[in-house]
Amino acid sequence: MACPLPVIKAKEALAAFTEDGTLTVKVDNDTAVQNLTRLAGNYGLKVSSEKKSDKEYEVSMEVKADAVKNAKAAPNEDFRCDISSGGKKVVVISADTMGNGDEKLGKKLMKAFIFALKSQDEVPSKIIFYNRGAFLTTEDPDTISDLKDLSEAGATIMTCGTCLDFYGLKEKLQVGIVSNMYDIVAAQMEASLVIRP
């Protein structure tokens, strides 16, 4: 199964245990083994793994049903498909509309996206606006209110200064900071995940 399904399915299987036993998960890559080992560690379970062949691994967890029910596993972001990447989630918005097609619908979708973003359990570390995305941090009161909430929750809101200058919006910025291309690139390079609506 593609990442992160081995971890998700293992969490579901652990939750289903009503008595002590062993959960054995077969996977085809070492990254999945490491993710499952971390999952077991977060539940305080003894874990072992065995490489059967180049594309076959088994991870076994000694399950104590009571311990699993009382433990709280770490959130899914602890289990990365690419364990070599670090950083946080970054959202990049390059337009004041979402998708291609009707502009009115696109603007409505973008407002809904930013509102939904604020409603997530985890706030992105940075939200970057460039090109026509700069209009969202300067002119739309509903979106600006949602972005202020995201900022208060810990997200850094960055708007491209060149874009603000180009559209004559620099004096209208209402949330976040004026940024530059170096910082925009650095934020994306340091991210574990870049999301583009």
C-alpha atoms as a PDB file:
ATOM      1  CA  MET A   1       0.000   0.000   0.000  1.00  0.00           C
ATOM      2  CA  ALA A   2       1.132   3.529  -0.693  1.00  0.00           C
ATOM      3  CA  CYS A   3       2.289   5.684   2.211  1.00  0.00           C
ATOM      4  CA  PRO A   4       0.695   6.564   4.633  1.00  0.00           C
ATOM      5  CA  LEU A   5      -1.798   3.666   4.328  1.00  0.00           C
ATOM      6  CA  PRO A   6       0.357   1.102   6.216  1.00  0.00           C
ATOM      7  CA  VAL A   7       0.353   3.370   9.294  1.00  0.00           C
ATOM      8  CA  ILE A   8      -3.340   4.217   8.982  1.00  0.00           C
ATOM      9  CA  LYS A   9      -4.336   0.561   8.593  1.00  0.00           C
ATOM     10  CA  ALA A  10      -2.062  -0.451  11.486  1.00  0.00           C
ATOM     11  CA  LYS A  11      -3.651   2.207  13.745  1.00  0.00           C
ATOM     12  CA  GLU A  12      -7.095   0.867  12.815  1.00  0.00           C
ATOM     13  CA  ALA A  13      -5.976  -2.700  13.551  1.00  0.00           C
ATOM     14  CA  LEU A  14      -4.501  -1.680  16.923  1.00  0.00           C
ATOM     15  CA  ALA A  15      -7.751   0.024  17.896  1.00  0.00           C
ATOM     16  CA  ALA A  16      -9.654  -3.197  17.137  1.00  0.00           C
ATOM     17  CA  PHE A  17      -7.689  -5.307  19.662  1.00  0.00           C
ATOM     18  CA  THR A  18      -9.894  -6.352  22.600  1.00  0.00           C
ATOM     19  CA  GLU A  19      -7.278  -8.627  24.176  1.00  0.00           C
ATOM     20  CA  ASP A  20      -3.503  -8.978  24.099  1.00  0.00           C
ATOM     21  CA  GLY A  21      -1.928 -10.353  20.942  1.00  0.00           C
ATOM     22  CA  THR A  22       0.458  -9.688  18.080  1.00  0.00           C
ATOM     23  CA  LEU A  23      -0.100  -7.450  15.092  1.00  0.00           C
ATOM     24  CA  THR A  24       2.039  -8.342  12.077  1.00  0.00           C
ATOM     25  CA  VAL A  25       2.151  -5.931   9.152  1.00  0.00           C
ATOM     26  CA  LYS A  26       3.738  -6.843   5.813  1.00  0.00           C
ATOM     27  CA  VAL A  27       5.193  -3.963   3.794  1.00  0.00           C
ATOM     28  CA  ASP A  28       7.469  -3.553   0.787  1.00  0.00           C
ATOM     29  CA  ASN A  29       9.882  -0.792   1.834  1.00  0.00           C
ATOM     30  CA  ASP A  30      12.109   0.290   4.701  1.00  0.00           C
ATOM     31  CA  THR A  31      10.393   3.679   5.121  1.00  0.00           C
ATOM     32  CA  ALA A  32       7.134   1.898   5.987  1.00  0.00           C
ATOM     33  CA  VAL A  33       9.072  -0.240   8.499  1.00  0.00           C
ATOM     34  CA  GLN A  34      10.438   2.893  10.183  1.00  0.00           C
ATOM     35  CA  ASN A  35       7.009   4.558  10.238  1.00  0.00           C
ATOM     36  CA  LEU A  36       5.402   1.453  11.782  1.00  0.00           C
ATOM     37  CA  THR A  37       8.218   1.178  14.329  1.00  0.00           C
ATOM     38  CA  ARG A  38       7.563   4.796  15.387  1.00  0.00           C
ATOM     39  CA  LEU A  39       3.844   4.049  15.623  1.00  0.00           C
ATOM     40  CA  ALA A  40       4.512   1.107  17.936  1.00  0.00           C
ATOM     41  CA  GLY A  41       6.855   3.255  20.030  1.00  0.00           C
ATOM     42  CA  ASN A  42       4.186   5.922  20.416  1.00  0.00           C
ATOM     43  CA  TYR A  43       1.865   3.282  21.867  1.00  0.00           C
ATOM     44  CA  GLY A  44       4.656   1.893  24.070  1.00  0.00           C
ATOM     45  CA  LEU A  45       4.561  -1.486  22.304  1.00  0.00           C
ATOM     46  CA  LYS A  46       7.476  -3.875  21.805  1.00  0.00           C
ATOM     47  CA  VAL A  47       8.227  -4.037  18.101  1.00  0.00           C
ATOM     48  CA  SER A  48      10.459  -6.103  15.867  1.00  0.00           C
ATOM     49  CA  SER A  49      10.999  -6.174  12.130  1.00  0.00           C
ATOM     50  CA  GLU A  50      12.453  -8.653   9.678  1.00  0.00           C
ATOM     51  CA  LYS A  51      13.564  -8.169   6.096  1.00  0.00           C
ATOM     52  CA  LYS A  52      12.319 -11.200   4.171  1.00  0.00           C
ATOM     53  CA  SER A  53      13.567 -10.049   0.745  1.00  0.00           C
ATOM     54  CA  ASP A  54      14.350  -6.820  -1.140  1.00  0.00           C
ATOM     55  CA  LYS A  55      10.659  -5.947  -1.295  1.00  0.00           C
ATOM     56  CA  GLU A  56       9.219  -7.823   1.650  1.00  0.00           C
ATOM     57  CA  TYR A  57       9.373  -6.809   5.304  1.00  0.00           C
ATOM     58  CA  GLU A  58       7.390  -7.860   8.355  1.00  0.00           C
ATOM     59  CA  VAL A  59       6.811  -5.630  11.352  1.00  0.00           C
ATOM     60  CA  SER A  60       5.442  -7.310  14.489  1.00  0.00           C
ATOM     61  CA  MET A  61       4.007  -5.445  17.463  1.00  0.00           C
ATOM     62  CA  GLU A  62       3.248  -7.071  20.818  1.00  0.00           C
ATOM     63  CA  VAL A  63      -0.129  -5.565  21.611  1.00  0.00           C
ATOM     64  CA  LYS A  64      -1.394  -4.965  25.132  1.00  0.00           C
ATOM     65  CA  ALA A  65      -5.037  -4.129  24.508  1.00  0.00           C
ATOM     66  CA  ASP A  66      -5.453  -1.981  27.630  1.00  0.00           C
ATOM     67  CA  ALA A  67      -2.278  -0.012  26.892  1.00  0.00           C
ATOM     68  CA  VAL A  68      -3.426   0.690  23.322  1.00  0.00           C
ATOM     69  CA  LYS A  69      -6.844   1.879  24.452  1.00  0.00           C
ATOM     70  CA  ASN A  70      -5.325   4.225  27.045  1.00  0.00           C
ATOM     71  CA  ALA A  71      -2.476   5.514  24.906  1.00  0.00           C
ATOM     72  CA  LYS A  72      -2.691   8.324  22.433  1.00  0.00           C
ATOM     73  CA  ALA A  73      -0.549   7.780  19.339  1.00  0.00           C
ATOM     74  CA  ALA A  74       1.294  10.695  17.814  1.00  0.00           C
ATOM     75  CA  PRO A  75      -0.482  12.570  15.024  1.00  0.00           C
ATOM     76  CA  ASN A  76      -0.065  11.407  11.434  1.00  0.00           C
ATOM     77  CA  GLU A  77       2.553  14.062  10.612  1.00  0.00           C
ATOM     78  CA  ASP A  78       5.054  11.989  12.622  1.00  0.00           C
ATOM     79  CA  PHE A  79       4.857   9.341   9.902  1.00  0.00           C
ATOM     80  CA  ARG A  80       6.352  10.743   6.750  1.00  0.00           C
ATOM     81  CA  CYS A  81       6.470   9.026   3.401  1.00  0.00           C
ATOM     82  CA  ASP A  82       9.870  10.600   2.795  1.00  0.00           C
ATOM     83  CA  ILE A  83      11.640  10.398   6.124  1.00  0.00           C
ATOM     84  CA  SER A  84      14.599  12.417   4.841  1.00  0.00           C
ATOM     85  CA  SER A  85      12.510  15.573   4.490  1.00  0.00           C
ATOM     86  CA  GLY A  86      12.059  17.949   7.392  1.00  0.00           C
ATOM     87  CA  GLY A  87      10.150  21.107   8.070  1.00  0.00           C
ATOM     88  CA  LYS A  88       6.491  21.912   8.175  1.00  0.00           C
ATOM     89  CA  LYS A  89       3.522  22.260   5.869  1.00  0.00           C
ATOM     90  CA  VAL A  90       3.486  25.355   3.643  1.00  0.00           C
ATOM     91  CA  VAL A  91       0.512  26.590   1.622  1.00  0.00           C
ATOM     92  CA  VAL A  92       1.306  28.518  -1.584  1.00  0.00           C
ATOM     93  CA  ILE A  93      -1.424  30.652  -3.161  1.00  0.00           C
ATOM     94  CA  SER A  94      -0.697  32.265  -6.521  1.00  0.00           C
ATOM     95  CA  ALA A  95      -4.168  33.531  -7.457  1.00  0.00           C
ATOM     96  CA  ASP A  96      -7.281  35.032  -5.941  1.00  0.00           C
ATOM     97  CA  THR A  97      -9.311  32.242  -7.550  1.00  0.00           C
ATOM     98  CA  MET A  98      -9.148  28.470  -7.172  1.00  0.00           C
ATOM     99  CA  GLY A  99      -9.070  26.272 -10.255  1.00  0.00           C
ATOM    100  CA  ASN A 100      -9.770  27.148 -13.865  1.00  0.00           C
ATOM    101  CA  GLY A 101     -13.121  28.182 -15.244  1.00  0.00           C
ATOM    102  CA  ASP A 102     -15.663  30.657 -13.998  1.00  0.00           C
ATOM    103  CA  GLU A 103     -13.968  33.521 -12.103  1.00  0.00           C
ATOM    104  CA  LYS A 104     -16.883  34.059  -9.707  1.00  0.00           C
ATOM    105  CA  LEU A 105     -16.882  30.372  -8.780  1.00  0.00           C
ATOM    106  CA  GLY A 106     -13.082  30.414  -8.458  1.00  0.00           C
ATOM    107  CA  LYS A 107     -13.204  33.310  -5.979  1.00  0.00           C
ATOM    108  CA  LYS A 108     -15.900  31.543  -3.958  1.00  0.00           C
ATOM    109  CA  LEU A 109     -13.820  28.347  -3.880  1.00  0.00           C
ATOM    110  CA  MET A 110     -10.702  30.217  -2.743  1.00  0.00           C
ATOM    111  CA  LYS A 111     -12.620  31.842   0.132  1.00  0.00           C
ATOM    112  CA  ALA A 112     -13.923  28.408   1.120  1.00  0.00           C
ATOM    113  CA  PHE A 113     -10.410  26.928   0.915  1.00  0.00           C
ATOM    114  CA  ILE A 114      -8.931  29.547   3.260  1.00  0.00           C
ATOM    115  CA  PHE A 115     -11.873  29.190   5.656  1.00  0.00           C
ATOM    116  CA  ALA A 116     -11.426  25.377   5.629  1.00  0.00           C
ATOM    117  CA  LEU A 117      -7.684  25.815   6.165  1.00  0.00           C
ATOM    118  CA  LYS A 118      -8.390  27.727   9.364  1.00  0.00           C
ATOM    119  CA  SER A 119     -10.714  24.933  10.490  1.00  0.00           C
ATOM    120  CA  GLN A 120      -8.056  22.194  10.326  1.00  0.00           C
ATOM    121  CA  ASP A 121      -6.550  20.660  13.463  1.00  0.00           C
ATOM    122  CA  GLU A 122      -3.071  21.628  12.275  1.00  0.00           C
ATOM    123  CA  VAL A 123      -2.159  25.111  11.083  1.00  0.00           C
ATOM    124  CA  PRO A 124       0.427  25.349   8.283  1.00  0.00           C
ATOM    125  CA  SER A 125       3.713  26.914   9.335  1.00  0.00           C
ATOM    126  CA  LYS A 126       3.592  29.398   6.450  1.00  0.00           C
ATOM    127  CA  ILE A 127       1.046  30.626   3.923  1.00  0.00           C
ATOM    128  CA  ILE A 128       2.661  32.318   0.929  1.00  0.00           C
ATOM    129  CA  PHE A 129       0.843  34.665  -1.451  1.00  0.00           C
ATOM    130  CA  TYR A 130       2.244  35.803  -4.779  1.00  0.00           C
ATOM    131  CA  ASN A 131       1.019  37.133  -8.128  1.00  0.00           C
ATOM    132  CA  ARG A 132      -2.781  37.665  -7.878  1.00  0.00           C
ATOM    133  CA  GLY A 133      -2.756  35.870  -4.534  1.00  0.00           C
ATOM    134  CA  ALA A 134      -1.602  39.225  -3.145  1.00  0.00           C
ATOM    135  CA  PHE A 135      -5.179  40.495  -3.496  1.00  0.00           C
ATOM    136  CA  LEU A 136      -6.252  38.059  -0.760  1.00  0.00           C
ATOM    137  CA  THR A 137      -4.072  39.710   1.898  1.00  0.00           C
ATOM    138  CA  THR A 138      -5.072  43.245   0.894  1.00  0.00           C
ATOM    139  CA  GLU A 139      -8.655  43.584  -0.319  1.00  0.00           C
ATOM    140  CA  ASP A 140     -11.035  40.786   0.715  1.00  0.00           C
ATOM    141  CA  PRO A 141     -12.370  41.418   4.254  1.00  0.00           C
ATOM    142  CA  ASP A 142     -13.720  37.871   4.819  1.00  0.00           C
ATOM    143  CA  THR A 143     -10.484  36.215   3.707  1.00  0.00           C
ATOM    144  CA  ILE A 144      -8.372  38.718   5.653  1.00  0.00           C
ATOM    145  CA  SER A 145     -10.337  37.879   8.814  1.00  0.00           C
ATOM    146  CA  ASP A 146      -9.682  34.148   8.294  1.00  0.00           C
ATOM    147  CA  LEU A 147      -5.998  34.837   7.583  1.00  0.00           C
ATOM    148  CA  LYS A 148      -5.720  36.887  10.780  1.00  0.00           C
ATOM    149  CA  ASP A 149      -7.138  33.907  12.689  1.00  0.00           C
ATOM    150  CA  LEU A 150      -4.555  31.642  11.028  1.00  0.00           C
ATOM    151  CA  SER A 151      -1.806  34.101  11.918  1.00  0.00           C
ATOM    152  CA  GLU A 152      -2.933  34.191  15.558  1.00  0.00           C
ATOM    153  CA  ALA A 153      -2.891  30.371  15.547  1.00  0.00           C
ATOM    154  CA  GLY A 154       0.783  30.385  14.516  1.00  0.00           C
ATOM    155  CA  ALA A 155       0.907  30.533  10.717  1.00  0.00           C
ATOM    156  CA  THR A 156       3.288  33.047   9.162  1.00  0.00           C
ATOM    157  CA  ILE A 157       1.495  34.929   6.361  1.00  0.00           C
ATOM    158  CA  MET A 158       3.923  36.077   3.643  1.00  0.00           C
ATOM    159  CA  THR A 159       3.050  38.193   0.593  1.00  0.00           C
ATOM    160  CA  CYS A 160       5.476  38.812  -2.263  1.00  0.00           C
ATOM    161  CA  GLY A 161       6.664  42.443  -2.168  1.00  0.00           C
ATOM    162  CA  THR A 162       7.287  42.575  -5.936  1.00  0.00           C
ATOM    163  CA  CYS A 163       3.701  41.450  -6.491  1.00  0.00           C
ATOM    164  CA  LEU A 164       2.320  44.029  -4.069  1.00  0.00           C
ATOM    165  CA  ASP A 165       4.305  46.739  -5.906  1.00  0.00           C
ATOM    166  CA  PHE A 166       3.208  45.500  -9.336  1.00  0.00           C
ATOM    167  CA  TYR A 167      -0.487  45.628  -8.436  1.00  0.00           C
ATOM    168  CA  GLY A 168      -0.179  48.855  -6.387  1.00  0.00           C
ATOM    169  CA  LEU A 169      -1.199  47.059  -3.195  1.00  0.00           C
ATOM    170  CA  LYS A 170       1.761  47.566  -0.851  1.00  0.00           C
ATOM    171  CA  GLU A 171       0.012  50.191   1.264  1.00  0.00           C
ATOM    172  CA  LYS A 172      -3.112  48.010   1.474  1.00  0.00           C
ATOM    173  CA  LEU A 173      -1.521  44.937   3.099  1.00  0.00           C
ATOM    174  CA  GLN A 174      -3.737  44.010   6.075  1.00  0.00           C
ATOM    175  CA  VAL A 175      -2.282  40.751   7.342  1.00  0.00           C
ATOM    176  CA  GLY A 176       1.158  39.204   7.549  1.00  0.00           C
ATOM    177  CA  ILE A 177       4.499  40.444   6.260  1.00  0.00           C
ATOM    178  CA  VAL A 178       5.917  41.709   2.982  1.00  0.00           C
ATOM    179  CA  SER A 179       8.254  39.013   1.758  1.00  0.00           C
ATOM    180  CA  ASN A 180      10.738  38.415  -1.056  1.00  0.00           C
ATOM    181  CA  MET A 181      11.511  35.625  -3.479  1.00  0.00           C
ATOM    182  CA  TYR A 182      14.501  34.383  -1.488  1.00  0.00           C
ATOM    183  CA  ASP A 183      12.352  33.815   1.618  1.00  0.00           C
ATOM    184  CA  ILE A 184       9.526  32.342  -0.478  1.00  0.00           C
ATOM    185  CA  VAL A 185      11.888  29.787  -2.047  1.00  0.00           C
ATOM    186  CA  ALA A 186      13.563  29.046   1.311  1.00  0.00           C
ATOM    187  CA  ALA A 187      10.191  28.397   2.968  1.00  0.00           C
ATOM    188  CA  GLN A 188       9.253  25.874   0.281  1.00  0.00           C
ATOM    189  CA  MET A 189      12.654  24.184   0.316  1.00  0.00           C
ATOM    190  CA  GLU A 190      12.434  23.682   4.101  1.00  0.00           C
ATOM    191  CA  ALA A 191       8.869  22.336   3.960  1.00  0.00           C
ATOM    192  CA  SER A 192       7.947  18.674   4.305  1.00  0.00           C
ATOM    193  CA  LEU A 193       4.819  19.379   2.243  1.00  0.00           C
ATOM    194  CA  VAL A 194       3.838  22.236  -0.089  1.00  0.00           C
ATOM    195  CA  ILE A 195       0.096  22.586  -0.716  1.00  0.00           C
ATOM    196  CA  ARG A 196      -1.246  24.503  -3.709  1.00  0.00           C
ATOM    197  CA  PRO A 197      -5.006  24.941  -4.019  1.00  0.00           C
END
